[in-house]
N, C-alpha and C. Protein backbone atom coordinates (compact mmCIF):
# COMPACT_ATOMS: atom_id res chain seq x y z
N MET A 1 -35.45 -33.51 14.91
CA MET A 1 -34.01 -33.17 14.85
C MET A 1 -33.15 -34.49 15.16
N ILE A 2 -31.98 -34.79 14.15
CA ILE A 2 -31.29 -35.75 14.65
C ILE A 2 -29.92 -35.38 15.20
N ALA A 3 -29.58 -34.36 14.62
CA ALA A 3 -28.10 -33.84 15.15
C ALA A 3 -27.83 -32.54 14.64
N LEU A 4 -27.00 -31.98 15.36
CA LEU A 4 -26.62 -30.33 15.16
C LEU A 4 -25.32 -30.09 14.71
N TRP A 5 -24.98 -29.93 13.58
CA TRP A 5 -23.41 -29.78 13.20
C TRP A 5 -23.08 -28.17 13.10
N PRO A 6 -21.93 -28.01 13.55
CA PRO A 6 -21.68 -26.39 13.44
C PRO A 6 -20.86 -26.45 12.04
N LEU A 7 -21.40 -25.52 11.23
CA LEU A 7 -20.76 -25.30 10.07
C LEU A 7 -19.84 -23.91 9.98
N SER A 8 -18.79 -24.06 9.38
CA SER A 8 -17.89 -22.70 9.22
C SER A 8 -18.67 -21.89 8.52
N ALA A 9 -18.87 -20.38 8.94
CA ALA A 9 -19.42 -19.47 8.43
C ALA A 9 -18.73 -18.99 7.04
N ASP A 10 -17.29 -19.01 7.09
CA ASP A 10 -16.56 -18.85 6.00
C ASP A 10 -16.77 -19.86 4.54
N GLN A 11 -17.31 -20.82 4.72
CA GLN A 11 -17.61 -21.81 3.99
C GLN A 11 -19.14 -21.86 3.40
N ILE A 12 -19.99 -20.97 3.93
CA ILE A 12 -21.14 -21.01 3.49
C ILE A 12 -21.75 -19.72 2.59
N GLU A 13 -22.46 -19.98 1.34
CA GLU A 13 -23.10 -18.71 0.93
C GLU A 13 -24.47 -18.92 0.88
N VAL A 14 -24.77 -17.62 1.05
CA VAL A 14 -26.48 -17.74 1.21
C VAL A 14 -26.90 -17.21 -0.04
N ILE A 15 -28.02 -17.93 -0.60
CA ILE A 15 -28.63 -17.63 -1.81
C ILE A 15 -30.05 -17.23 -1.82
N ILE A 16 -30.42 -16.15 -2.34
CA ILE A 16 -31.92 -15.96 -2.15
C ILE A 16 -32.51 -16.18 -3.56
N THR A 17 -33.36 -17.11 -3.62
CA THR A 17 -33.81 -17.42 -4.95
C THR A 17 -35.13 -16.55 -5.54
N GLN A 18 -35.29 -16.86 -6.79
CA GLN A 18 -36.46 -15.91 -7.50
C GLN A 18 -37.87 -15.87 -6.67
N GLY A 19 -38.04 -17.05 -5.86
CA GLY A 19 -39.19 -17.06 -5.10
C GLY A 19 -38.99 -16.65 -3.70
N LYS A 20 -37.90 -15.89 -3.39
CA LYS A 20 -37.57 -15.14 -2.07
C LYS A 20 -37.30 -16.25 -0.98
N GLU A 21 -36.94 -17.40 -1.50
CA GLU A 21 -36.55 -18.49 -0.48
C GLU A 21 -35.15 -18.33 -0.27
N LEU A 22 -34.70 -18.78 1.04
CA LEU A 22 -33.18 -18.95 1.37
C LEU A 22 -32.45 -20.32 1.01
N VAL A 23 -31.37 -20.28 0.33
CA VAL A 23 -30.90 -21.43 -0.07
C VAL A 23 -29.37 -21.35 0.49
N TYR A 24 -28.75 -22.14 1.35
CA TYR A 24 -27.35 -22.19 1.85
C TYR A 24 -26.66 -23.30 0.99
N ARG A 25 -25.58 -22.86 0.12
CA ARG A 25 -24.59 -23.51 -0.12
C ARG A 25 -23.26 -23.84 0.62
N TYR A 26 -22.87 -24.87 1.10
CA TYR A 26 -21.86 -25.10 1.87
C TYR A 26 -20.76 -25.94 1.20
N TYR A 27 -19.55 -25.44 1.14
CA TYR A 27 -18.49 -25.97 0.36
C TYR A 27 -17.41 -26.45 1.51
N LEU A 28 -17.34 -27.95 1.02
CA LEU A 28 -16.41 -28.70 1.95
C LEU A 28 -15.63 -29.58 1.10
N ASP A 29 -14.42 -29.60 1.35
CA ASP A 29 -13.61 -30.68 0.73
C ASP A 29 -13.68 -30.57 -0.95
N GLY A 30 -13.86 -29.23 -1.59
CA GLY A 30 -14.08 -29.39 -3.02
C GLY A 30 -15.46 -29.75 -3.41
N GLN A 31 -16.48 -29.99 -2.57
CA GLN A 31 -17.61 -30.34 -3.25
C GLN A 31 -18.87 -29.16 -2.41
N ASP A 32 -19.90 -29.17 -3.07
CA ASP A 32 -21.01 -28.04 -3.04
C ASP A 32 -22.08 -29.25 -2.27
N TYR A 33 -22.71 -28.55 -1.06
CA TYR A 33 -24.06 -29.13 -0.47
C TYR A 33 -24.89 -27.99 -0.30
N LEU A 34 -26.13 -28.33 -0.76
CA LEU A 34 -27.30 -27.27 -0.78
C LEU A 34 -28.09 -27.68 0.42
N PHE A 35 -28.74 -26.82 1.26
CA PHE A 35 -29.41 -26.89 2.11
C PHE A 35 -30.54 -25.82 2.08
N THR A 36 -31.93 -26.13 2.32
CA THR A 36 -32.89 -25.26 2.59
C THR A 36 -32.82 -24.55 3.69
N GLU A 37 -33.78 -23.59 3.95
CA GLU A 37 -33.79 -22.90 5.12
C GLU A 37 -34.28 -23.58 6.24
N LYS A 38 -35.04 -24.65 5.82
CA LYS A 38 -35.78 -25.67 7.01
C LYS A 38 -34.64 -26.44 7.60
N GLU A 39 -33.30 -26.71 6.69
CA GLU A 39 -32.55 -27.74 7.30
C GLU A 39 -31.50 -26.98 8.15
N ILE A 40 -31.15 -25.60 8.20
CA ILE A 40 -30.35 -24.91 8.65
C ILE A 40 -30.69 -23.99 9.68
N LEU A 41 -29.94 -24.10 11.06
CA LEU A 41 -30.32 -23.26 11.98
C LEU A 41 -29.44 -22.18 11.92
N HIS A 42 -29.95 -20.77 11.19
CA HIS A 42 -29.09 -19.62 11.05
C HIS A 42 -29.27 -18.80 12.00
N ILE A 43 -28.23 -18.64 12.99
CA ILE A 43 -28.10 -17.66 14.10
C ILE A 43 -27.67 -16.28 13.44
N ARG A 44 -28.42 -15.40 13.47
CA ARG A 44 -28.00 -14.11 12.64
C ARG A 44 -27.33 -13.24 13.57
N GLY A 45 -25.98 -12.61 13.16
CA GLY A 45 -25.68 -11.60 14.12
C GLY A 45 -25.70 -10.33 13.47
N MET A 46 -24.65 -9.36 13.53
CA MET A 46 -24.63 -8.24 12.85
C MET A 46 -24.78 -8.19 11.45
N GLY A 47 -25.33 -7.54 10.82
CA GLY A 47 -25.54 -7.51 9.12
C GLY A 47 -26.72 -6.87 8.72
N ASN A 48 -27.16 -7.59 7.37
CA ASN A 48 -28.32 -7.11 6.86
C ASN A 48 -29.50 -7.96 7.18
N GLY A 49 -29.52 -9.00 8.04
CA GLY A 49 -30.62 -9.75 8.44
C GLY A 49 -30.62 -11.31 7.36
N VAL A 50 -29.79 -11.20 6.20
CA VAL A 50 -29.71 -12.43 5.97
C VAL A 50 -28.30 -12.76 5.70
N VAL A 51 -27.31 -11.94 5.43
CA VAL A 51 -25.99 -12.07 5.44
C VAL A 51 -25.54 -11.47 6.78
N GLY A 52 -24.61 -12.14 7.72
CA GLY A 52 -23.89 -11.03 8.50
C GLY A 52 -22.73 -10.74 8.48
N MET A 53 -22.25 -10.08 9.47
CA MET A 53 -20.64 -9.62 9.39
C MET A 53 -20.30 -10.25 10.34
N SER A 54 -18.79 -10.36 10.42
CA SER A 54 -18.07 -11.20 11.37
C SER A 54 -18.01 -9.90 12.60
N PRO A 55 -17.90 -10.27 13.84
CA PRO A 55 -17.64 -9.26 14.75
C PRO A 55 -16.30 -8.56 14.27
N LEU A 56 -15.11 -8.84 13.99
CA LEU A 56 -14.29 -8.07 13.43
C LEU A 56 -14.45 -7.06 12.36
N ASP A 57 -15.31 -7.28 11.30
CA ASP A 57 -15.67 -6.43 10.31
C ASP A 57 -16.42 -5.41 10.74
N TYR A 58 -17.41 -5.89 11.79
CA TYR A 58 -18.36 -4.89 12.46
C TYR A 58 -17.46 -4.06 13.41
N MET A 59 -16.74 -4.38 13.96
CA MET A 59 -15.84 -3.36 14.93
C MET A 59 -15.05 -2.41 13.93
N ARG A 60 -14.56 -2.93 12.81
CA ARG A 60 -13.58 -2.20 12.00
C ARG A 60 -14.54 -1.18 11.36
N ALA A 61 -15.64 -1.44 11.26
CA ALA A 61 -16.68 -0.35 10.36
C ALA A 61 -17.02 0.74 11.36
N SER A 62 -17.20 0.11 12.52
CA SER A 62 -17.61 0.99 13.72
C SER A 62 -16.56 1.88 14.14
N VAL A 63 -15.26 1.66 14.22
CA VAL A 63 -14.08 2.32 14.43
C VAL A 63 -13.93 3.22 13.33
N GLY A 64 -14.02 2.72 12.13
CA GLY A 64 -13.82 3.73 10.98
C GLY A 64 -14.82 4.84 11.15
N LEU A 65 -16.06 4.64 11.34
CA LEU A 65 -16.99 5.45 11.51
C LEU A 65 -16.99 6.60 12.57
N ALA A 66 -16.28 6.03 13.66
CA ALA A 66 -16.01 6.85 14.80
C ALA A 66 -14.85 8.01 14.49
N VAL A 67 -13.64 7.31 13.76
CA VAL A 67 -12.76 8.17 13.31
C VAL A 67 -13.06 9.05 12.49
N SER A 68 -13.91 8.97 11.47
CA SER A 68 -14.41 9.89 10.64
C SER A 68 -15.31 10.78 11.25
N ALA A 69 -16.15 10.57 12.08
CA ALA A 69 -17.01 11.72 12.97
C ALA A 69 -15.72 12.65 13.92
N GLN A 70 -14.90 11.82 14.45
CA GLN A 70 -13.96 12.87 15.21
C GLN A 70 -13.21 13.58 14.15
N ASN A 71 -12.83 13.38 12.93
CA ASN A 71 -12.15 14.03 12.05
C ASN A 71 -12.82 15.18 11.80
N HIS A 72 -14.14 15.24 11.38
CA HIS A 72 -15.17 15.99 10.91
C HIS A 72 -15.24 17.17 11.98
N THR A 73 -15.61 16.70 13.34
CA THR A 73 -15.59 17.59 14.46
C THR A 73 -14.08 18.32 14.57
N ASN A 74 -13.15 17.83 14.46
CA ASN A 74 -11.99 18.58 14.38
C ASN A 74 -12.03 19.61 13.56
N LYS A 75 -12.20 19.35 12.44
CA LYS A 75 -12.46 20.44 11.23
C LYS A 75 -13.15 21.62 11.69
N ILE A 76 -14.24 21.31 12.02
CA ILE A 76 -15.10 22.25 12.48
C ILE A 76 -14.66 23.21 13.76
N TYR A 77 -14.07 22.57 14.75
CA TYR A 77 -13.70 23.38 16.01
C TYR A 77 -12.20 24.00 15.60
N ARG A 78 -11.47 23.48 14.44
CA ARG A 78 -10.33 24.22 13.85
C ARG A 78 -10.60 25.61 13.50
N LYS A 79 -12.05 25.82 13.01
CA LYS A 79 -12.24 26.92 12.45
C LYS A 79 -13.27 27.89 13.60
N ASP A 80 -13.02 27.61 14.88
CA ASP A 80 -13.72 28.08 15.75
C ASP A 80 -15.42 27.93 15.50
N SER A 81 -15.73 26.83 15.12
CA SER A 81 -16.90 26.26 14.93
C SER A 81 -17.87 27.21 13.92
N ARG A 82 -17.37 28.01 13.19
CA ARG A 82 -17.84 28.83 12.30
C ARG A 82 -17.63 28.33 11.05
N ARG A 83 -18.75 28.25 10.32
CA ARG A 83 -18.99 27.63 8.82
C ARG A 83 -18.59 28.89 7.87
N PRO A 84 -18.06 28.57 6.65
CA PRO A 84 -17.38 29.77 5.84
C PRO A 84 -18.58 29.72 4.97
N GLY A 85 -18.91 31.01 4.70
CA GLY A 85 -20.08 31.34 3.58
C GLY A 85 -20.14 32.83 3.20
N ILE A 86 -21.10 33.15 2.48
CA ILE A 86 -21.41 34.44 1.93
C ILE A 86 -22.59 34.82 2.48
N LEU A 87 -23.04 35.83 2.82
CA LEU A 87 -24.23 36.43 3.26
C LEU A 87 -24.52 37.54 2.27
N MET A 88 -25.43 37.55 1.20
CA MET A 88 -26.05 38.56 0.37
C MET A 88 -27.52 39.19 0.95
N SER A 89 -27.37 40.49 0.38
CA SER A 89 -28.41 41.16 0.84
C SER A 89 -28.98 41.70 -0.63
N SER A 90 -30.59 41.99 -0.64
CA SER A 90 -30.99 42.46 -2.00
C SER A 90 -30.83 44.00 -1.97
N GLU A 91 -30.47 44.48 -0.44
CA GLU A 91 -30.41 45.88 -0.36
C GLU A 91 -28.97 46.24 0.11
N VAL A 92 -28.72 47.70 0.06
CA VAL A 92 -27.43 48.23 0.54
C VAL A 92 -27.63 48.31 2.05
N LEU A 93 -26.73 47.71 2.80
CA LEU A 93 -26.78 47.86 4.59
C LEU A 93 -25.95 49.15 4.80
N THR A 94 -26.49 49.68 5.83
CA THR A 94 -25.98 50.94 6.39
C THR A 94 -24.96 50.58 7.48
N ASP A 95 -24.20 51.54 7.59
CA ASP A 95 -22.87 51.35 8.66
C ASP A 95 -23.51 50.72 9.89
N SER A 96 -24.61 51.04 10.37
CA SER A 96 -24.95 50.30 11.78
C SER A 96 -25.54 48.88 11.33
N GLN A 97 -26.20 48.64 10.31
CA GLN A 97 -26.52 47.19 10.19
C GLN A 97 -25.39 46.56 9.79
N ARG A 98 -24.01 47.02 9.12
CA ARG A 98 -23.04 46.32 9.09
C ARG A 98 -22.33 45.94 10.27
N ALA A 99 -22.47 46.90 11.15
CA ALA A 99 -21.69 46.83 12.63
C ALA A 99 -22.51 45.63 13.24
N LYS A 100 -23.68 45.85 13.42
CA LYS A 100 -24.54 44.79 14.02
C LYS A 100 -24.43 43.17 13.28
N LEU A 101 -24.35 43.42 12.20
CA LEU A 101 -23.96 42.09 11.57
C LEU A 101 -22.65 41.35 11.82
N LYS A 102 -21.62 42.17 12.03
CA LYS A 102 -20.43 41.90 12.20
C LYS A 102 -20.47 41.27 13.88
N GLU A 103 -21.08 42.07 14.68
CA GLU A 103 -21.07 41.74 16.11
C GLU A 103 -21.77 40.09 16.19
N ILE A 104 -22.80 40.00 15.53
CA ILE A 104 -23.77 38.70 15.68
C ILE A 104 -22.75 37.70 15.17
N SER A 105 -22.05 37.87 14.07
CA SER A 105 -21.30 36.88 13.66
C SER A 105 -19.96 36.53 14.13
N ALA A 106 -19.71 37.37 14.93
CA ALA A 106 -18.33 37.34 15.85
C ALA A 106 -18.67 36.33 17.18
N LYS A 107 -20.02 36.26 17.57
CA LYS A 107 -20.40 35.05 18.57
C LYS A 107 -20.12 33.70 18.32
């Protein structure tokens, strides 16, 4: 190793060749420079293992997921945690069976 130069992540495109090798295309001043995987020290952060996400994008996705989960929980508890639905029986229920079923579903 002769030198270590930091390259701006927003100017690099990671390409996967048909031979499953990684090639890095670096854009600088209107020119393209190609580098092999052996020529680049790629410190991978959050992402899919090849192309990472910026910390801001990762946090945006995390907050979006948390808000979505909170909204879903609010909808459930707004209905007293009961899910709407229909109960069907192949036989006619007696009055005592209906009363017992109402008692169970009210809990």
